[in-house]
Amino acid sequence: MNEIKALQSMGFVLPSPAYLFGAIVFGLLGMVAFSRGKKTSQPVLTWTGVALMLYPYAISETWLMWSLGIGLSALVFAKWN
């Protein structure tokens, strides 16, 4: 327990369950979009899949991660066919 308090005093905090759930969901959607984009030779779908898989590593705010994830998911939905 002292280790957690020491890490929190240095500025390290654990992500919320909503953040972890979103990172998993958008990562899986990114994998599907990436593989579909490679199979059908659609570069927009491929790179959007890469973005969906990697952006949670760069964003620490939960609301921002969900907003960007929904936007990128809408792009995947629009470019699916």
N, C-alpha and C. Protein backbone atom coordinates (compact mmCIF):
# COMPACT_ATOMS: atom_id res chain seq x y z
N MET A 1 0.83 -1.19 0.00
CA MET A 1 0.00 0.00 0.00
C MET A 1 0.87 1.25 0.00
N ASN A 2 2.00 1.20 0.66
CA ASN A 2 2.89 2.36 0.69
C ASN A 2 3.47 2.65 -0.69
N GLU A 3 3.66 1.59 -1.50
CA GLU A 3 4.20 1.78 -2.84
C GLU A 3 3.24 2.57 -3.71
N ILE A 4 1.94 2.29 -3.58
CA ILE A 4 0.94 3.01 -4.37
C ILE A 4 0.90 4.47 -3.98
N LYS A 5 0.96 4.75 -2.69
CA LYS A 5 0.96 6.14 -2.25
C LYS A 5 2.22 6.87 -2.69
N ALA A 6 3.35 6.16 -2.69
CA ALA A 6 4.60 6.77 -3.14
C ALA A 6 4.53 7.09 -4.63
N LEU A 7 3.97 6.19 -5.42
CA LEU A 7 3.83 6.44 -6.85
C LEU A 7 2.86 7.58 -7.12
N GLN A 8 1.77 7.64 -6.36
CA GLN A 8 0.80 8.73 -6.53
C GLN A 8 1.42 10.07 -6.17
N SER A 9 2.29 10.10 -5.18
CA SER A 9 2.93 11.36 -4.81
C SER A 9 3.90 11.83 -5.89
N MET A 10 4.41 10.90 -6.72
CA MET A 10 5.29 11.26 -7.82
C MET A 10 4.51 11.61 -9.09
N GLY A 11 3.18 11.47 -9.06
CA GLY A 11 2.36 11.83 -10.20
C GLY A 11 1.87 10.66 -11.03
N PHE A 12 2.19 9.44 -10.63
CA PHE A 12 1.72 8.27 -11.36
C PHE A 12 0.38 7.82 -10.79
N VAL A 13 -0.61 7.70 -11.67
CA VAL A 13 -1.93 7.22 -11.26
C VAL A 13 -2.37 6.12 -12.21
N LEU A 14 -3.17 5.22 -11.70
CA LEU A 14 -3.70 4.15 -12.53
C LEU A 14 -4.85 4.68 -13.37
N PRO A 15 -5.01 4.18 -14.60
CA PRO A 15 -6.13 4.64 -15.43
C PRO A 15 -7.46 4.10 -14.89
N SER A 16 -8.52 4.80 -15.24
CA SER A 16 -9.84 4.39 -14.79
C SER A 16 -10.30 3.16 -15.56
N PRO A 17 -11.28 2.43 -15.03
CA PRO A 17 -11.82 1.28 -15.76
C PRO A 17 -12.42 1.68 -17.11
N ALA A 18 -13.01 2.87 -17.20
CA ALA A 18 -13.57 3.33 -18.48
C ALA A 18 -12.47 3.53 -19.51
N TYR A 19 -11.32 4.02 -19.07
CA TYR A 19 -10.19 4.20 -19.98
C TYR A 19 -9.66 2.86 -20.47
N LEU A 20 -9.50 1.91 -19.56
CA LEU A 20 -9.01 0.59 -19.94
C LEU A 20 -9.97 -0.12 -20.89
N PHE A 21 -11.26 -0.04 -20.60
CA PHE A 21 -12.26 -0.65 -21.46
C PHE A 21 -12.23 -0.03 -22.86
N GLY A 22 -12.15 1.29 -22.92
CA GLY A 22 -12.11 1.97 -24.21
C GLY A 22 -10.85 1.63 -25.00
N ALA A 23 -9.72 1.55 -24.32
CA ALA A 23 -8.48 1.20 -25.01
C ALA A 23 -8.55 -0.20 -25.61
N ILE A 24 -9.16 -1.12 -24.90
CA ILE A 24 -9.30 -2.49 -25.41
C ILE A 24 -10.27 -2.53 -26.59
N VAL A 25 -11.43 -1.87 -26.44
CA VAL A 25 -12.44 -1.89 -27.51
C VAL A 25 -11.90 -1.23 -28.77
N PHE A 26 -11.30 -0.06 -28.66
CA PHE A 26 -10.79 0.64 -29.83
C PHE A 26 -9.58 -0.06 -30.42
N GLY A 27 -8.78 -0.71 -29.59
CA GLY A 27 -7.66 -1.49 -30.10
C GLY A 27 -8.13 -2.68 -30.93
N LEU A 28 -9.16 -3.37 -30.45
CA LEU A 28 -9.70 -4.49 -31.21
C LEU A 28 -10.34 -4.03 -32.51
N LEU A 29 -11.07 -2.93 -32.46
CA LEU A 29 -11.66 -2.38 -33.67
C LEU A 29 -10.57 -1.96 -34.66
N GLY A 30 -9.48 -1.42 -34.14
CA GLY A 30 -8.36 -1.04 -34.99
C GLY A 30 -7.71 -2.24 -35.66
N MET A 31 -7.60 -3.36 -34.93
CA MET A 31 -7.05 -4.58 -35.53
C MET A 31 -7.92 -5.07 -36.67
N VAL A 32 -9.23 -5.05 -36.47
CA VAL A 32 -10.16 -5.49 -37.51
C VAL A 32 -10.08 -4.57 -38.72
N ALA A 33 -10.06 -3.27 -38.48
CA ALA A 33 -9.99 -2.31 -39.59
C ALA A 33 -8.66 -2.44 -40.33
N PHE A 34 -7.58 -2.64 -39.61
CA PHE A 34 -6.27 -2.79 -40.25
C PHE A 34 -6.23 -4.02 -41.14
N SER A 35 -6.71 -5.15 -40.63
CA SER A 35 -6.67 -6.37 -41.44
C SER A 35 -7.61 -6.26 -42.65
N ARG A 36 -8.77 -5.64 -42.48
CA ARG A 36 -9.70 -5.45 -43.60
C ARG A 36 -9.10 -4.50 -44.64
N GLY A 37 -8.43 -3.45 -44.18
CA GLY A 37 -7.80 -2.51 -45.10
C GLY A 37 -6.67 -3.13 -45.89
N LYS A 38 -5.87 -3.98 -45.25
CA LYS A 38 -4.80 -4.66 -45.97
C LYS A 38 -5.36 -5.65 -46.98
N LYS A 39 -6.41 -6.36 -46.59
CA LYS A 39 -6.99 -7.38 -47.47
C LYS A 39 -7.62 -6.74 -48.71
N THR A 40 -8.29 -5.61 -48.55
CA THR A 40 -8.99 -4.96 -49.65
C THR A 40 -8.18 -3.84 -50.30
N SER A 41 -6.95 -3.63 -49.87
CA SER A 41 -6.07 -2.58 -50.40
C SER A 41 -6.69 -1.20 -50.29
N GLN A 42 -7.24 -0.89 -49.11
CA GLN A 42 -7.78 0.44 -48.83
C GLN A 42 -6.87 1.13 -47.82
N PRO A 43 -6.02 2.05 -48.28
CA PRO A 43 -5.06 2.67 -47.36
C PRO A 43 -5.71 3.51 -46.26
N VAL A 44 -6.85 4.13 -46.53
CA VAL A 44 -7.51 4.93 -45.49
C VAL A 44 -7.96 4.03 -44.34
N LEU A 45 -8.52 2.89 -44.68
CA LEU A 45 -8.97 1.95 -43.66
C LEU A 45 -7.78 1.35 -42.89
N THR A 46 -6.70 1.07 -43.61
CA THR A 46 -5.51 0.51 -42.98
C THR A 46 -4.92 1.49 -41.97
N TRP A 47 -4.73 2.74 -42.38
CA TRP A 47 -4.10 3.71 -41.49
C TRP A 47 -5.03 4.16 -40.37
N THR A 48 -6.32 4.13 -40.61
CA THR A 48 -7.26 4.42 -39.52
C THR A 48 -7.20 3.31 -38.48
N GLY A 49 -7.05 2.07 -38.93
CA GLY A 49 -6.88 0.96 -38.00
C GLY A 49 -5.62 1.10 -37.16
N VAL A 50 -4.53 1.53 -37.79
CA VAL A 50 -3.28 1.76 -37.05
C VAL A 50 -3.49 2.87 -36.02
N ALA A 51 -4.17 3.93 -36.43
CA ALA A 51 -4.43 5.04 -35.50
C ALA A 51 -5.28 4.58 -34.32
N LEU A 52 -6.30 3.77 -34.58
CA LEU A 52 -7.15 3.27 -33.50
C LEU A 52 -6.36 2.39 -32.53
N MET A 53 -5.40 1.65 -33.02
CA MET A 53 -4.62 0.79 -32.14
C MET A 53 -3.61 1.57 -31.30
N LEU A 54 -3.08 2.67 -31.83
CA LEU A 54 -1.97 3.34 -31.17
C LEU A 54 -2.31 4.60 -30.38
N TYR A 55 -3.40 5.28 -30.73
CA TYR A 55 -3.64 6.57 -30.08
C TYR A 55 -3.90 6.49 -28.57
N PRO A 56 -4.44 5.41 -28.00
CA PRO A 56 -4.62 5.41 -26.54
C PRO A 56 -3.30 5.52 -25.76
N TYR A 57 -2.18 5.17 -26.39
CA TYR A 57 -0.89 5.30 -25.71
C TYR A 57 -0.47 6.76 -25.58
N ALA A 58 -0.98 7.63 -26.43
CA ALA A 58 -0.57 9.03 -26.44
C ALA A 58 -1.53 9.95 -25.70
N ILE A 59 -2.72 9.47 -25.36
CA ILE A 59 -3.74 10.32 -24.74
C ILE A 59 -4.02 9.79 -23.34
N SER A 60 -4.00 10.68 -22.36
CA SER A 60 -4.21 10.24 -20.98
C SER A 60 -5.60 10.58 -20.43
N GLU A 61 -6.32 11.47 -21.08
CA GLU A 61 -7.65 11.86 -20.61
C GLU A 61 -8.70 10.90 -21.17
N THR A 62 -9.56 10.40 -20.29
CA THR A 62 -10.57 9.42 -20.70
C THR A 62 -11.57 10.01 -21.69
N TRP A 63 -12.05 11.21 -21.42
CA TRP A 63 -13.06 11.81 -22.31
C TRP A 63 -12.48 12.07 -23.69
N LEU A 64 -11.21 12.45 -23.77
CA LEU A 64 -10.58 12.71 -25.05
C LEU A 64 -10.35 11.41 -25.81
N MET A 65 -9.98 10.36 -25.10
CA MET A 65 -9.78 9.07 -25.74
C MET A 65 -11.09 8.57 -26.34
N TRP A 66 -12.17 8.67 -25.59
CA TRP A 66 -13.47 8.21 -26.09
C TRP A 66 -13.94 9.07 -27.26
N SER A 67 -13.75 10.37 -27.20
CA SER A 67 -14.18 11.25 -28.30
C SER A 67 -13.43 10.94 -29.58
N LEU A 68 -12.12 10.83 -29.49
CA LEU A 68 -11.32 10.52 -30.66
C LEU A 68 -11.61 9.11 -31.18
N GLY A 69 -11.82 8.18 -30.27
CA GLY A 69 -12.14 6.81 -30.67
C GLY A 69 -13.46 6.71 -31.40
N ILE A 70 -14.45 7.44 -30.95
CA ILE A 70 -15.75 7.43 -31.63
C ILE A 70 -15.61 8.07 -33.01
N GLY A 71 -14.84 9.14 -33.10
CA GLY A 71 -14.63 9.78 -34.40
C GLY A 71 -13.91 8.88 -35.39
N LEU A 72 -12.85 8.23 -34.94
CA LEU A 72 -12.12 7.31 -35.82
C LEU A 72 -12.97 6.09 -36.17
N SER A 73 -13.79 5.64 -35.23
CA SER A 73 -14.68 4.51 -35.52
C SER A 73 -15.72 4.89 -36.56
N ALA A 74 -16.19 6.13 -36.52
CA ALA A 74 -17.14 6.59 -37.54
C ALA A 74 -16.47 6.62 -38.91
N LEU A 75 -15.20 6.99 -38.96
CA LEU A 75 -14.47 6.96 -40.23
C LEU A 75 -14.32 5.53 -40.74
N VAL A 76 -14.04 4.60 -39.85
CA VAL A 76 -13.96 3.18 -40.24
C VAL A 76 -15.30 2.73 -40.78
N PHE A 77 -16.37 3.08 -40.10
CA PHE A 77 -17.72 2.69 -40.56
C PHE A 77 -18.03 3.28 -41.93
N ALA A 78 -17.62 4.53 -42.17
CA ALA A 78 -17.89 5.17 -43.45
C ALA A 78 -17.08 4.56 -44.59
N LYS A 79 -15.87 4.11 -44.31
CA LYS A 79 -14.99 3.58 -45.34
C LYS A 79 -15.01 2.06 -45.43
N TRP A 80 -15.87 1.39 -44.71
CA TRP A 80 -15.85 -0.07 -44.64
C TRP A 80 -16.07 -0.73 -46.00
N ASN A 81 -17.00 -0.23 -46.80
CA ASN A 81 -17.28 -0.86 -48.11
C ASN A 81 -16.59 -0.16 -49.22
